[in-house]
Protein backbone atom coordinates (compact mmCIF):
# COMPACT_ATOMS: atom_id res chain seq x y z
CA MET A 1 94.54 93.44 102.71
CA THR A 2 93.63 97.55 102.92
CA GLU A 3 91.16 99.47 104.98
CA ARG A 4 92.18 102.36 102.80
CA TRP A 5 90.70 103.15 99.52
CA VAL A 6 91.73 106.37 97.94
CA ILE A 7 89.40 108.15 95.67
CA HIS A 8 90.66 109.45 92.15
CA LEU A 9 88.91 111.70 90.29
CA PRO A 10 89.78 112.78 87.00
CA VAL A 11 89.27 116.76 86.66
CA THR A 12 90.49 118.41 83.64
CA ALA A 13 91.69 121.91 83.51
CA PRO A 14 93.74 123.89 80.41
CA ASP A 15 97.11 124.01 81.90
CA LEU A 16 99.74 122.54 85.19
CA LEU A 17 98.65 126.20 86.69
CA ARG A 18 95.18 126.18 86.59
CA ALA A 19 95.28 122.51 86.85
CA ARG A 20 97.31 123.62 90.32
CA ILE A 21 95.14 126.14 91.44
CA PHE A 22 92.06 124.91 90.80
CA ALA A 23 93.42 121.13 92.46
CA ARG A 24 94.37 123.19 95.81
CA THR A 25 90.18 125.21 95.82
CA ALA A 26 88.75 121.07 96.09
CA ALA A 27 91.06 119.92 97.85
CA ARG A 28 90.61 122.96 100.05
CA VAL A 29 87.14 122.73 100.57
CA LEU A 30 86.91 118.73 100.56
CA ALA A 31 89.07 119.60 103.94
CA ARG A 32 86.61 121.95 105.42
CA LEU A 33 83.96 118.85 104.77
CA SER A 34 85.61 115.68 106.47
CA ALA A 35 88.89 114.77 107.60
CA ARG A 36 90.44 112.24 105.99
CA VAL A 37 90.71 114.44 103.05
CA GLU A 38 95.19 114.68 103.02
CA PRO A 39 95.39 117.86 100.81
CA GLY A 40 99.45 117.21 101.29
CA GLY A 41 98.83 114.36 98.50
CA VAL A 42 97.34 115.70 95.81
CA THR A 43 99.00 116.12 93.29
CA VAL A 44 97.79 117.14 89.01
CA SER A 45 99.05 115.52 85.62
CA ALA A 46 99.23 115.35 81.71
CA GLU A 47 96.64 112.78 81.11
CA ASP A 48 98.36 111.55 78.32
CA GLN A 49 101.46 111.36 81.24
CA GLN A 50 99.37 110.38 84.43
CA GLY A 51 102.34 108.85 85.73
CA VAL A 52 104.44 112.26 85.51
CA ARG A 53 102.53 113.55 88.64
CA HIS A 54 103.74 116.84 90.05
CA TRP A 55 102.11 118.59 93.19
CA VAL A 56 99.84 120.67 94.58
CA PHE A 57 100.71 122.25 97.43
CA CYS A 58 104.60 121.86 99.96
CA ASP A 59 102.95 119.93 102.77
CA GLN A 60 107.01 119.96 104.32
CA ARG A 61 106.67 119.25 108.00
CA LEU A 62 106.63 122.53 110.16
CA PRO A 63 108.11 123.27 113.85
CA GLY A 64 105.76 122.23 116.03
CA GLY A 65 104.57 119.60 113.91
CA GLY A 66 101.61 120.51 111.06
CA ARG A 67 102.53 120.60 107.69
CA CYS A 68 103.05 123.67 105.05
CA ALA A 69 99.84 124.66 103.45
CA LEU A 70 101.21 126.68 100.79
CA PRO A 71 101.33 125.28 97.12
CA ALA A 72 104.24 123.98 96.05
CA ASP A 73 107.53 125.23 94.36
CA HIS A 74 106.16 129.07 96.67
CA THR A 75 109.11 131.34 97.68
CA ALA A 76 107.76 132.78 101.37
CA PRO A 77 108.54 131.02 103.88
CA CYS A 78 106.29 127.95 104.90
CA ARG A 79 103.33 128.11 106.77
CA ARG A 80 100.68 126.15 109.34
CA TYR A 81 97.35 128.28 106.63
CA ALA A 82 97.46 129.92 102.98
CA PRO A 83 97.35 133.33 102.53
CA SER A 84 93.70 134.57 103.11
CA ARG A 85 92.41 135.94 100.01
CA ARG A 86 90.26 139.04 101.18
């Protein structure tokens, strides 16, 4: 039996774009509260097609360690931290 459990927390959004935005925001906030949050594994799906998942973060491995923190399907070069909003 595994010693790790995964939390599945259904939250609804009106469309894929807003679902991804909400999921990114929630993952980043939760990651600040606990090192056990793995933002790179966050996906979203349509309520009636939960087997079809859409990645929220790029999560590509970066040279020197770490993973890309930008949204999935980004066009800028991968980077460790998302740009800060001002």
